[in-house]
Every structure is written in C-alpha cells, then in structure tokens.
C-alpha cells in the first residue's frame, strides 16, 4: 500500500515575493489569477505559515502560464525573500559574527544554519548538507510531482545565492545542478565563486 506524503508548511515569503514580482512584471490581473489557481483568497500575512501544496500550486501555475518570465520572476522573488529575512528576521549581531570569520568558516556556518531552519523553505522536504558548498533539498515540496527537462528551482537557488552573497562574499554563485523535476533523487545546489570562471 502506498503511503501518503505528510504535508507541511512553508514560510509566506515564497508566496508574497512571487506575487509582488508578478504584479511588477506581468500585472495585477496575472497575480490575482495565480492566487486563484493556488486557492488563495488573499495574499498571506508576513508571519503566516502556508500549506506547501498551495505554494507548489502557485509556483507551478507561474511556470505554466508565464514560461517566458517565470525564471526571472522566481530569481527576483528569491533574492527579495533573503533580503527580507536578513533585514527583519536575522539579527545584525549574528550577521556581523558570520561576516567576521574566514570565508570557508562562514560558508559552513551559513549552510549549517540553513539545515537547522530548513522547515521554512523546505517544509516536509529534507535539507541534507553534503559539504559547506553542496547541499540537497530532498522531496522538495514546491515541485510536488512536477516534471521538467531542466532544473526549475530558480527561487531556491536565488534565495541561497543571495544569502551567501550578503553574508560571505558578493561573488558567490549558486547553481542547481540536479533537480527532482527532471527525475533526480534530490534538488542539489552547488556554490562556487563567479570570479573562478572569469
């Protein structure tokens, strides 16, 4: 007998920032349409946990309805999410402490912190730290059965990238190197330095 997957909750930023970007780039009507597709009566409050199935429906509707702009919207929303968290949820003292240590130590600290707070962006999924620069998001709830030919977790990649850029080094780049939507076991993200490829 197949076990049903237990549904979790995600932070509201995965909805709020997406909708803000859709309003900016496509328009209010498009934003309202996406909210309706994902069964939202209104945009969630800033501190309101959101059922991950509704977040998945919103992100997937965005990719389906606006394939030409979805990646840019997701990346901008991911960066805005991190900016919000750093400006409102993570103390300046903690940020200063991370910024003061050597880069490799800071990378480890940020990745370890992501693992400990993964429920906010990973819901019922599992965040696995492979190293300070490689980590997996297994059973990514934002995908929920989605199939694609290339990685689609642009929101997560941009949010991770912004976190490391602001706390460790502005030249850090985050790539999704495997994606569950393409048939892999996990969404795997890898950090590198932009200057290394120049």
N, C-alpha and C. Protein backbone atom coordinates (compact mmCIF):
# COMPACT_ATOMS: atom_id res chain seq x y z
N UNK A 1 0.84 -1.19 0.00
CA UNK A 1 0.00 0.00 0.00
C UNK A 1 0.88 1.25 0.00
N UNK A 2 0.58 2.20 -0.84
CA UNK A 2 1.38 3.41 -0.96
C UNK A 2 1.08 4.36 0.19
N UNK A 3 2.14 4.82 0.84
CA UNK A 3 1.96 5.76 1.96
C UNK A 3 1.74 7.16 1.43
N UNK A 4 0.79 7.87 2.00
CA UNK A 4 0.57 9.25 1.63
C UNK A 4 1.64 10.14 2.24
N UNK A 5 2.07 11.12 1.49
CA UNK A 5 3.09 12.04 1.97
C UNK A 5 2.47 13.06 2.92
N UNK A 6 3.07 13.21 4.08
CA UNK A 6 2.59 14.19 5.05
C UNK A 6 2.90 15.59 4.55
N UNK A 7 1.88 16.43 4.54
CA UNK A 7 2.05 17.80 4.06
C UNK A 7 2.56 18.71 5.17
N UNK A 8 3.42 19.62 4.82
CA UNK A 8 3.97 20.56 5.77
C UNK A 8 3.59 21.99 5.41
N UNK A 9 4.30 22.91 6.01
CA UNK A 9 4.05 24.34 5.76
C UNK A 9 5.36 25.01 5.37
N UNK A 10 5.23 26.09 4.63
CA UNK A 10 6.37 26.90 4.20
C UNK A 10 6.17 28.33 4.67
N UNK A 11 7.28 29.08 4.70
CA UNK A 11 7.19 30.48 5.05
C UNK A 11 6.41 31.25 3.99
N UNK A 12 5.70 32.30 4.36
CA UNK A 12 4.86 33.05 3.42
C UNK A 12 5.63 33.81 2.35
N UNK A 13 6.93 34.01 2.55
CA UNK A 13 7.70 34.75 1.56
C UNK A 13 7.68 34.08 0.19
N UNK A 14 7.57 32.74 0.17
CA UNK A 14 7.53 32.00 -1.10
C UNK A 14 6.28 32.33 -1.91
N UNK A 15 5.31 32.94 -1.26
CA UNK A 15 4.10 33.42 -1.95
C UNK A 15 4.16 34.93 -2.13
N UNK A 16 4.43 35.63 -1.04
CA UNK A 16 4.38 37.10 -1.07
C UNK A 16 5.31 37.69 -2.13
N UNK A 17 6.56 37.24 -2.14
CA UNK A 17 7.52 37.83 -3.06
C UNK A 17 7.25 37.43 -4.51
N UNK A 18 6.74 36.21 -4.72
CA UNK A 18 6.36 35.80 -6.08
C UNK A 18 5.25 36.71 -6.59
N UNK A 19 4.23 36.91 -5.78
CA UNK A 19 3.10 37.74 -6.20
C UNK A 19 3.53 39.18 -6.45
N UNK A 20 4.39 39.71 -5.60
CA UNK A 20 4.89 41.08 -5.83
C UNK A 20 5.61 41.20 -7.17
N UNK A 21 6.43 40.19 -7.49
CA UNK A 21 7.17 40.21 -8.75
C UNK A 21 6.23 40.06 -9.94
N UNK A 22 5.24 39.20 -9.82
CA UNK A 22 4.28 39.04 -10.91
C UNK A 22 3.54 40.35 -11.15
N UNK A 23 3.14 41.01 -10.07
CA UNK A 23 2.47 42.31 -10.23
C UNK A 23 3.37 43.30 -10.96
N UNK A 24 4.67 43.32 -10.61
CA UNK A 24 5.60 44.26 -11.23
C UNK A 24 5.84 43.94 -12.71
N UNK A 25 6.00 42.65 -13.01
CA UNK A 25 6.43 42.29 -14.36
C UNK A 25 5.30 41.93 -15.31
N UNK A 26 4.19 41.43 -14.78
CA UNK A 26 3.10 41.00 -15.65
C UNK A 26 1.83 41.80 -15.40
N UNK A 27 1.56 42.11 -14.13
CA UNK A 27 0.37 42.91 -13.83
C UNK A 27 -0.49 42.32 -12.73
N UNK A 28 -1.38 43.13 -12.20
CA UNK A 28 -2.24 42.74 -11.08
C UNK A 28 -3.18 41.61 -11.46
N UNK A 29 -3.72 41.66 -12.67
CA UNK A 29 -4.65 40.60 -13.10
C UNK A 29 -3.94 39.24 -13.09
N UNK A 30 -2.72 39.21 -13.57
CA UNK A 30 -1.96 37.95 -13.59
C UNK A 30 -1.70 37.45 -12.18
N UNK A 31 -1.37 38.36 -11.27
CA UNK A 31 -1.13 37.98 -9.88
C UNK A 31 -2.38 37.39 -9.25
N UNK A 32 -3.52 38.01 -9.49
CA UNK A 32 -4.78 37.50 -8.95
C UNK A 32 -5.14 36.14 -9.55
N UNK A 33 -4.81 35.95 -10.81
CA UNK A 33 -5.07 34.67 -11.47
C UNK A 33 -4.25 33.56 -10.82
N UNK A 34 -2.98 33.84 -10.54
CA UNK A 34 -2.12 32.84 -9.90
C UNK A 34 -2.61 32.52 -8.49
N UNK A 35 -3.02 33.54 -7.76
CA UNK A 35 -3.56 33.31 -6.41
C UNK A 35 -4.79 32.40 -6.48
N UNK A 36 -5.65 32.65 -7.46
CA UNK A 36 -6.85 31.82 -7.63
C UNK A 36 -6.47 30.39 -7.99
N UNK A 37 -5.49 30.22 -8.88
CA UNK A 37 -5.04 28.88 -9.27
C UNK A 37 -4.58 28.08 -8.06
N UNK A 38 -3.97 28.77 -7.09
CA UNK A 38 -3.40 28.10 -5.91
C UNK A 38 -4.35 28.15 -4.70
N UNK A 39 -5.60 28.53 -4.91
CA UNK A 39 -6.64 28.51 -3.86
C UNK A 39 -6.34 29.48 -2.72
N UNK A 40 -5.77 30.63 -3.06
CA UNK A 40 -5.57 31.68 -2.06
C UNK A 40 -6.70 32.69 -2.19
N UNK A 41 -7.37 32.96 -1.08
CA UNK A 41 -8.38 34.01 -1.07
C UNK A 41 -7.72 35.38 -1.04
N UNK A 42 -6.53 35.44 -0.45
CA UNK A 42 -5.75 36.68 -0.38
C UNK A 42 -4.29 36.33 -0.14
N UNK A 43 -3.43 37.31 -0.27
CA UNK A 43 -2.01 37.10 0.00
C UNK A 43 -1.83 36.83 1.49
N UNK A 44 -1.04 35.82 1.86
CA UNK A 44 -0.86 35.53 3.29
C UNK A 44 -0.16 36.66 4.02
N UNK A 45 -0.38 36.69 5.33
CA UNK A 45 0.30 37.69 6.17
C UNK A 45 1.79 37.36 6.25
N UNK A 46 2.59 38.35 6.68
CA UNK A 46 4.04 38.22 6.71
C UNK A 46 4.53 37.13 7.66
N UNK A 47 3.72 36.76 8.63
CA UNK A 47 4.12 35.75 9.61
C UNK A 47 3.21 34.52 9.58
N UNK A 48 2.52 34.30 8.49
CA UNK A 48 1.54 33.21 8.38
C UNK A 48 2.11 32.02 7.62
N UNK A 49 2.33 30.88 8.28
CA UNK A 49 2.78 29.68 7.57
C UNK A 49 1.75 29.28 6.51
N UNK A 50 2.25 28.79 5.37
CA UNK A 50 1.38 28.48 4.24
C UNK A 50 1.48 26.99 3.91
N UNK A 51 0.35 26.30 3.71
CA UNK A 51 0.42 24.89 3.31
C UNK A 51 1.26 24.73 2.05
N UNK A 52 2.20 23.79 2.08
CA UNK A 52 3.15 23.69 0.98
C UNK A 52 2.48 23.31 -0.34
N UNK A 53 1.35 22.62 -0.28
CA UNK A 53 0.65 22.29 -1.52
C UNK A 53 0.17 23.53 -2.26
N UNK A 54 -0.23 24.54 -1.52
CA UNK A 54 -0.67 25.80 -2.14
C UNK A 54 0.51 26.56 -2.73
N UNK A 55 1.65 26.51 -2.04
CA UNK A 55 2.86 27.15 -2.58
C UNK A 55 3.27 26.46 -3.87
N UNK A 56 3.25 25.12 -3.87
CA UNK A 56 3.59 24.37 -5.07
C UNK A 56 2.66 24.73 -6.22
N UNK A 57 1.36 24.82 -5.94
CA UNK A 57 0.39 25.16 -6.98
C UNK A 57 0.67 26.54 -7.56
N UNK A 58 1.05 27.48 -6.70
CA UNK A 58 1.36 28.84 -7.17
C UNK A 58 2.58 28.85 -8.07
N UNK A 59 3.68 28.22 -7.63
CA UNK A 59 4.91 28.21 -8.42
C UNK A 59 4.72 27.47 -9.74
N UNK A 60 3.98 26.37 -9.69
CA UNK A 60 3.78 25.59 -10.90
C UNK A 60 2.86 26.31 -11.88
N UNK A 61 1.86 27.01 -11.36
CA UNK A 61 0.99 27.80 -12.22
C UNK A 61 1.78 28.92 -12.89
N UNK A 62 2.69 29.54 -12.13
CA UNK A 62 3.54 30.58 -12.71
C UNK A 62 4.35 30.05 -13.89
N UNK A 63 4.98 28.88 -13.70
CA UNK A 63 5.80 28.32 -14.78
C UNK A 63 4.95 27.90 -15.98
N UNK A 64 3.75 27.45 -15.71
CA UNK A 64 2.87 27.01 -16.79
C UNK A 64 2.29 28.19 -17.57
N UNK A 65 1.83 29.22 -16.86
CA UNK A 65 1.16 30.34 -17.52
C UNK A 65 2.14 31.34 -18.15
N UNK A 66 3.30 31.52 -17.51
CA UNK A 66 4.23 32.55 -17.98
C UNK A 66 5.64 31.98 -18.12
N UNK A 67 5.83 31.00 -18.99
CA UNK A 67 7.13 30.33 -19.11
C UNK A 67 8.26 31.27 -19.52
N UNK A 68 7.95 32.32 -20.24
CA UNK A 68 8.99 33.22 -20.69
C UNK A 68 9.57 34.12 -19.61
N UNK A 69 8.78 34.37 -18.56
CA UNK A 69 9.23 35.27 -17.49
C UNK A 69 9.33 34.60 -16.13
N UNK A 70 8.92 33.33 -16.05
CA UNK A 70 8.88 32.65 -14.75
C UNK A 70 10.23 32.59 -14.07
N UNK A 71 11.28 32.28 -14.82
CA UNK A 71 12.60 32.17 -14.19
C UNK A 71 13.04 33.51 -13.60
N UNK A 72 12.87 34.59 -14.34
CA UNK A 72 13.26 35.91 -13.84
C UNK A 72 12.44 36.30 -12.62
N UNK A 73 11.14 36.02 -12.67
CA UNK A 73 10.27 36.31 -11.53
C UNK A 73 10.73 35.54 -10.30
N UNK A 74 11.00 34.25 -10.47
CA UNK A 74 11.43 33.41 -9.35
C UNK A 74 12.76 33.86 -8.78
N UNK A 75 13.69 34.21 -9.64
CA UNK A 75 15.00 34.66 -9.15
C UNK A 75 14.88 35.98 -8.38
N UNK A 76 14.13 36.91 -8.91
CA UNK A 76 13.94 38.18 -8.21
C UNK A 76 13.23 37.96 -6.87
N UNK A 77 12.23 37.07 -6.87
CA UNK A 77 11.49 36.79 -5.64
C UNK A 77 12.38 36.09 -4.62
N UNK A 78 13.24 35.19 -5.08
CA UNK A 78 14.17 34.51 -4.16
C UNK A 78 15.12 35.48 -3.50
N UNK A 79 15.66 36.40 -4.29
CA UNK A 79 16.56 37.42 -3.73
C UNK A 79 15.82 38.31 -2.74
N UNK A 80 14.60 38.70 -3.10
CA UNK A 80 13.81 39.56 -2.21
C UNK A 80 13.47 38.85 -0.90
N UNK A 81 13.24 37.54 -0.97
CA UNK A 81 12.97 36.77 0.24
C UNK A 81 14.14 36.82 1.19
N UNK A 82 15.35 36.58 0.66
CA UNK A 82 16.54 36.62 1.51
C UNK A 82 16.76 38.02 2.08
N UNK A 83 16.57 39.03 1.27
CA UNK A 83 16.74 40.40 1.76
C UNK A 83 15.78 40.68 2.91
N UNK A 84 14.55 40.21 2.78
CA UNK A 84 13.57 40.41 3.84
C UNK A 84 14.02 39.69 5.12
N UNK A 85 14.44 38.44 4.98
CA UNK A 85 14.86 37.68 6.16
C UNK A 85 16.06 38.31 6.85
N UNK A 86 17.03 38.75 6.07
CA UNK A 86 18.22 39.36 6.67
C UNK A 86 17.91 40.72 7.29
N UNK A 87 16.97 41.43 6.71
CA UNK A 87 16.64 42.76 7.21
C UNK A 87 15.67 42.73 8.40
N UNK A 88 14.89 41.64 8.53
CA UNK A 88 13.84 41.62 9.55
C UNK A 88 13.86 40.44 10.50
N UNK A 89 14.52 39.36 10.13
CA UNK A 89 14.44 38.13 10.93
C UNK A 89 15.76 37.67 11.53
N UNK A 90 16.87 38.08 10.96
CA UNK A 90 18.18 37.63 11.45
C UNK A 90 18.91 38.82 12.03
N UNK A 91 19.34 38.70 13.26
CA UNK A 91 19.91 39.86 13.95
C UNK A 91 21.18 40.37 13.28
N UNK A 92 21.38 41.67 13.39
CA UNK A 92 22.59 42.28 12.84
C UNK A 92 23.83 41.69 13.52
N UNK A 93 23.73 41.40 14.80
CA UNK A 93 24.86 40.83 15.53
C UNK A 93 25.26 39.47 14.94
N UNK A 94 24.27 38.63 14.65
CA UNK A 94 24.56 37.32 14.06
C UNK A 94 25.18 37.48 12.68
N UNK A 95 24.67 38.41 11.90
CA UNK A 95 25.23 38.65 10.57
C UNK A 95 26.66 39.15 10.66
N UNK A 96 26.92 40.05 11.62
CA UNK A 96 28.28 40.58 11.80
C UNK A 96 29.25 39.49 12.22
N UNK A 97 28.80 38.58 13.07
CA UNK A 97 29.67 37.48 13.52
C UNK A 97 30.05 36.58 12.36
N UNK A 98 29.09 36.27 11.50
CA UNK A 98 29.38 35.42 10.34
C UNK A 98 30.33 36.13 9.38
N UNK A 99 30.08 37.40 9.16
CA UNK A 99 30.92 38.17 8.22
C UNK A 99 32.34 38.35 8.72
N UNK A 100 32.55 38.19 10.04
CA UNK A 100 33.87 38.45 10.61
C UNK A 100 34.81 37.24 10.55
N UNK A 101 34.28 36.06 10.31
CA UNK A 101 35.13 34.86 10.30
C UNK A 101 35.65 34.60 8.89
N UNK A 102 36.68 33.74 8.73
CA UNK A 102 37.17 33.40 7.39
C UNK A 102 36.05 32.85 6.49
N UNK A 103 36.20 33.05 5.20
CA UNK A 103 35.13 32.71 4.26
C UNK A 103 34.70 31.25 4.34
N UNK A 104 35.64 30.34 4.42
CA UNK A 104 35.27 28.93 4.46
C UNK A 104 34.47 28.60 5.72
N UNK A 105 34.84 29.21 6.82
CA UNK A 105 34.09 29.01 8.06
C UNK A 105 32.70 29.62 7.93
N UNK A 106 32.64 30.81 7.34
CA UNK A 106 31.35 31.48 7.14
C UNK A 106 30.44 30.65 6.24
N UNK A 107 31.01 30.05 5.18
CA UNK A 107 30.22 29.20 4.29
C UNK A 107 29.60 28.05 5.08
N UNK A 108 30.41 27.42 5.91
CA UNK A 108 29.92 26.29 6.71
C UNK A 108 28.83 26.76 7.67
N UNK A 109 29.03 27.89 8.31
CA UNK A 109 28.05 28.40 9.27
C UNK A 109 26.70 28.69 8.60
N UNK A 110 26.75 29.29 7.42
CA UNK A 110 25.50 29.62 6.73
C UNK A 110 24.79 28.35 6.27
N UNK A 111 25.56 27.40 5.73
CA UNK A 111 24.95 26.14 5.29
C UNK A 111 24.36 25.38 6.46
N UNK A 112 25.09 25.35 7.56
CA UNK A 112 24.60 24.67 8.77
C UNK A 112 23.33 25.36 9.29
N UNK A 113 23.31 26.67 9.25
CA UNK A 113 22.12 27.41 9.68
C UNK A 113 20.93 27.09 8.78
N UNK A 114 21.20 26.98 7.47
CA UNK A 114 20.12 26.63 6.54
C UNK A 114 19.54 25.26 6.87
N UNK A 115 20.41 24.34 7.22
CA UNK A 115 19.96 22.99 7.58
C UNK A 115 19.06 23.03 8.81
N UNK A 116 19.41 23.87 9.79
CA UNK A 116 18.66 23.93 11.03
C UNK A 116 17.32 24.66 10.89
N UNK A 117 17.19 25.50 9.87
CA UNK A 117 15.96 26.27 9.67
C UNK A 117 15.24 25.88 8.39
N UNK A 118 15.55 24.70 7.86
CA UNK A 118 15.06 24.28 6.55
C UNK A 118 13.54 24.18 6.47
N UNK A 119 12.87 24.01 7.59
CA UNK A 119 11.41 23.86 7.53
C UNK A 119 10.75 25.10 6.92
N UNK A 120 11.41 26.27 7.04
CA UNK A 120 10.81 27.50 6.50
C UNK A 120 10.79 27.51 4.98
N UNK A 121 11.79 26.91 4.33
CA UNK A 121 11.83 26.90 2.87
C UNK A 121 11.69 25.49 2.30
N UNK A 122 11.81 24.47 3.16
CA UNK A 122 11.76 23.09 2.69
C UNK A 122 10.55 22.31 3.14
N UNK A 123 9.77 22.86 4.08
CA UNK A 123 8.56 22.20 4.53
C UNK A 123 8.81 20.75 4.94
N UNK A 124 8.07 19.84 4.33
CA UNK A 124 8.21 18.42 4.66
C UNK A 124 9.40 17.78 3.96
N UNK A 125 10.10 18.54 3.15
CA UNK A 125 11.30 18.02 2.49
C UNK A 125 12.45 17.89 3.48
N UNK A 126 13.57 17.43 2.99
CA UNK A 126 14.74 17.21 3.84
C UNK A 126 15.95 17.93 3.25
N UNK A 127 16.56 18.78 4.05
CA UNK A 127 17.76 19.50 3.65
C UNK A 127 18.97 18.69 4.13
N UNK A 128 19.83 18.31 3.21
CA UNK A 128 21.00 17.49 3.54
C UNK A 128 22.26 18.24 3.13
N UNK A 129 23.12 18.47 4.10
CA UNK A 129 24.37 19.19 3.87
C UNK A 129 25.44 18.19 3.43
N UNK A 130 25.81 18.22 2.15
CA UNK A 130 26.87 17.35 1.64
C UNK A 130 28.24 17.90 2.01
N UNK A 131 28.36 19.21 1.95
CA UNK A 131 29.58 19.93 2.35
C UNK A 131 29.17 21.37 2.56
N UNK A 132 30.11 22.24 2.85
CA UNK A 132 29.75 23.65 3.05
C UNK A 132 29.31 24.31 1.74
N UNK A 133 29.61 23.69 0.60
CA UNK A 133 29.27 24.29 -0.69
C UNK A 133 28.32 23.45 -1.54
N UNK A 134 27.92 22.30 -1.05
CA UNK A 134 26.98 21.44 -1.79
C UNK A 134 25.92 20.94 -0.81
N UNK A 135 24.66 21.11 -1.19
CA UNK A 135 23.58 20.65 -0.32
C UNK A 135 22.38 20.24 -1.15
N UNK A 136 21.59 19.32 -0.60
CA UNK A 136 20.42 18.78 -1.29
C UNK A 136 19.14 19.21 -0.59
N UNK A 137 18.11 19.39 -1.38
CA UNK A 137 16.76 19.52 -0.87
C UNK A 137 16.00 18.32 -1.43
N UNK A 138 15.79 17.33 -0.58
CA UNK A 138 15.11 16.11 -1.00
C UNK A 138 13.61 16.23 -0.75
N UNK A 139 12.84 15.65 -1.69
CA UNK A 139 11.38 15.74 -1.63
C UNK A 139 10.93 17.20 -1.55
N UNK A 140 11.50 18.01 -2.42
CA UNK A 140 11.19 19.44 -2.46
C UNK A 140 9.68 19.64 -2.63
N UNK A 141 9.01 20.19 -1.63
CA UNK A 141 7.55 20.29 -1.69
C UNK A 141 7.03 21.28 -2.73
N UNK A 142 7.88 22.19 -3.19
CA UNK A 142 7.43 23.16 -4.19
C UNK A 142 7.26 22.50 -5.56
N UNK A 143 7.84 21.33 -5.74
CA UNK A 143 7.70 20.61 -7.00
C UNK A 143 6.47 19.70 -7.01
N UNK A 144 6.30 18.88 -5.98
CA UNK A 144 5.13 18.01 -5.82
C UNK A 144 4.69 17.35 -7.13
N UNK A 145 5.55 16.50 -7.68
CA UNK A 145 5.19 15.73 -8.86
C UNK A 145 5.43 16.43 -10.19
N UNK A 146 5.97 17.63 -10.16
CA UNK A 146 6.22 18.35 -11.41
C UNK A 146 7.31 17.66 -12.22
N UNK A 147 7.18 17.69 -13.54
CA UNK A 147 8.18 17.12 -14.44
C UNK A 147 8.70 18.21 -15.36
N UNK A 148 10.02 18.20 -15.59
CA UNK A 148 10.63 19.22 -16.45
C UNK A 148 11.86 18.63 -17.13
N UNK A 149 12.36 19.32 -18.13
CA UNK A 149 13.53 18.85 -18.86
C UNK A 149 14.82 19.50 -18.36
N UNK A 150 14.69 20.51 -17.52
CA UNK A 150 15.87 21.18 -16.94
C UNK A 150 15.50 21.66 -15.54
N UNK A 151 16.48 21.96 -14.69
CA UNK A 151 16.19 22.40 -13.32
C UNK A 151 15.26 23.61 -13.29
N UNK A 152 14.33 23.61 -12.33
CA UNK A 152 13.33 24.69 -12.26
C UNK A 152 13.32 25.41 -10.92
N UNK A 153 14.21 25.05 -9.99
CA UNK A 153 14.16 25.64 -8.65
C UNK A 153 14.92 26.97 -8.60
N UNK A 154 14.54 27.88 -9.48
CA UNK A 154 15.23 29.17 -9.57
C UNK A 154 14.99 30.02 -8.32
N UNK A 155 13.82 29.89 -7.72
CA UNK A 155 13.52 30.64 -6.50
C UNK A 155 14.49 30.24 -5.39
N UNK A 156 14.64 28.96 -5.15
CA UNK A 156 15.53 28.48 -4.10
C UNK A 156 16.99 28.85 -4.39
N UNK A 157 17.41 28.62 -5.63
CA UNK A 157 18.80 28.90 -5.99
C UNK A 157 19.14 30.37 -5.75
N UNK A 158 18.23 31.27 -6.14
CA UNK A 158 18.47 32.70 -5.97
C UNK A 158 18.45 33.10 -4.50
N UNK A 159 17.55 32.50 -3.72
CA UNK A 159 17.49 32.80 -2.29
C UNK A 159 18.77 32.36 -1.59
N UNK A 160 19.24 31.15 -1.90
CA UNK A 160 20.50 30.67 -1.32
C UNK A 160 21.67 31.58 -1.75
N UNK A 161 21.72 31.88 -3.04
CA UNK A 161 22.82 32.69 -3.55
C UNK A 161 22.89 34.04 -2.85
N UNK A 162 21.75 34.68 -2.70
CA UNK A 162 21.72 35.99 -2.05
C UNK A 162 22.20 35.91 -0.60
N UNK A 163 21.83 34.83 0.09
CA UNK A 163 22.24 34.66 1.47
C UNK A 163 23.77 34.62 1.58
N UNK A 164 24.40 33.83 0.73
CA UNK A 164 25.85 33.71 0.78
C UNK A 164 26.53 34.99 0.27
N UNK A 165 25.91 35.65 -0.70
CA UNK A 165 26.48 36.89 -1.20
C UNK A 165 26.51 37.96 -0.12
N UNK A 166 25.44 38.05 0.64
CA UNK A 166 25.37 39.09 1.67
C UNK A 166 26.17 38.75 2.92
N UNK A 167 26.27 37.48 3.25
CA UNK A 167 26.95 37.10 4.50
C UNK A 167 28.38 36.64 4.32
N UNK A 168 28.74 36.19 3.12
CA UNK A 168 30.07 35.60 2.92
C UNK A 168 30.89 36.37 1.90
N UNK A 169 30.39 36.45 0.67
CA UNK A 169 31.18 37.05 -0.41
C UNK A 169 30.23 37.41 -1.54
N UNK A 170 30.27 38.64 -2.03
CA UNK A 170 29.36 39.04 -3.11
C UNK A 170 29.58 38.30 -4.42
N UNK A 171 30.71 37.59 -4.54
CA UNK A 171 30.99 36.84 -5.77
C UNK A 171 30.51 35.40 -5.74
N UNK A 172 29.85 34.98 -4.66
CA UNK A 172 29.35 33.60 -4.59
C UNK A 172 28.20 33.43 -5.58
N UNK A 173 28.21 32.28 -6.25
CA UNK A 173 27.16 31.92 -7.20
C UNK A 173 26.56 30.58 -6.78
N UNK A 174 25.24 30.42 -6.89
CA UNK A 174 24.57 29.17 -6.55
C UNK A 174 23.89 28.61 -7.79
N UNK A 175 24.21 27.35 -8.11
CA UNK A 175 23.59 26.67 -9.25
C UNK A 175 22.84 25.45 -8.77
N UNK A 176 21.70 25.19 -9.38
CA UNK A 176 21.03 23.91 -9.13
C UNK A 176 21.56 22.93 -10.15
N UNK A 177 22.29 21.93 -9.70
CA UNK A 177 22.96 21.01 -10.63
C UNK A 177 22.16 19.75 -10.91
N UNK A 178 21.25 19.37 -10.02
CA UNK A 178 20.26 18.33 -10.32
C UNK A 178 18.93 18.79 -9.74
N UNK A 179 17.84 18.32 -10.33
CA UNK A 179 16.51 18.75 -9.90
C UNK A 179 15.57 17.55 -9.88
N UNK A 180 14.79 17.44 -8.83
CA UNK A 180 13.84 16.34 -8.73
C UNK A 180 12.82 16.37 -9.87
N UNK A 181 12.54 17.55 -10.40
CA UNK A 181 11.58 17.64 -11.50
C UNK A 181 12.10 16.99 -12.77
N UNK A 182 13.41 16.80 -12.87
CA UNK A 182 13.99 16.14 -14.05
C UNK A 182 14.26 14.66 -13.80
N UNK A 183 13.81 14.15 -12.66
CA UNK A 183 13.95 12.74 -12.38
C UNK A 183 15.03 12.36 -11.40
N UNK A 184 15.77 13.32 -10.87
CA UNK A 184 16.82 13.02 -9.89
C UNK A 184 16.22 12.81 -8.50
N UNK A 185 17.03 12.21 -7.65
CA UNK A 185 16.57 11.91 -6.29
C UNK A 185 16.41 13.16 -5.44
N UNK A 186 17.13 14.22 -5.80
CA UNK A 186 17.09 15.44 -4.98
C UNK A 186 17.39 16.65 -5.85
N UNK A 187 16.97 17.80 -5.34
CA UNK A 187 17.40 19.08 -5.92
C UNK A 187 18.73 19.39 -5.24
N UNK A 188 19.80 19.37 -6.02
CA UNK A 188 21.13 19.60 -5.45
C UNK A 188 21.64 20.97 -5.89
N UNK A 189 22.13 21.73 -4.91
CA UNK A 189 22.64 23.07 -5.16
C UNK A 189 24.13 23.11 -4.86
N UNK A 190 24.86 23.84 -5.70
CA UNK A 190 26.31 23.93 -5.53
C UNK A 190 26.73 25.39 -5.55
N UNK A 191 27.58 25.75 -4.60
CA UNK A 191 28.10 27.11 -4.52
C UNK A 191 29.47 27.18 -5.17
N UNK A 192 29.73 28.26 -5.85
CA UNK A 192 31.04 28.49 -6.46
C UNK A 192 31.29 30.00 -6.46
N UNK A 193 32.46 30.37 -6.92
CA UNK A 193 32.79 31.80 -7.00
C UNK A 193 32.74 32.24 -8.43
N UNK A 194 32.00 33.32 -8.70
CA UNK A 194 31.86 33.85 -10.06
C UNK A 194 33.21 34.12 -10.69
N UNK A 195 34.13 34.66 -9.88
CA UNK A 195 35.44 35.03 -10.42
C UNK A 195 36.24 33.83 -10.88
N UNK A 196 35.88 32.63 -10.40
CA UNK A 196 36.63 31.42 -10.76
C UNK A 196 36.42 31.05 -12.22
N UNK A 197 35.31 31.49 -12.82
CA UNK A 197 35.03 31.14 -14.19
C UNK A 197 35.38 32.26 -15.17
N UNK A 198 35.87 33.37 -14.64
CA UNK A 198 36.22 34.52 -15.49
C UNK A 198 37.64 34.41 -16.00
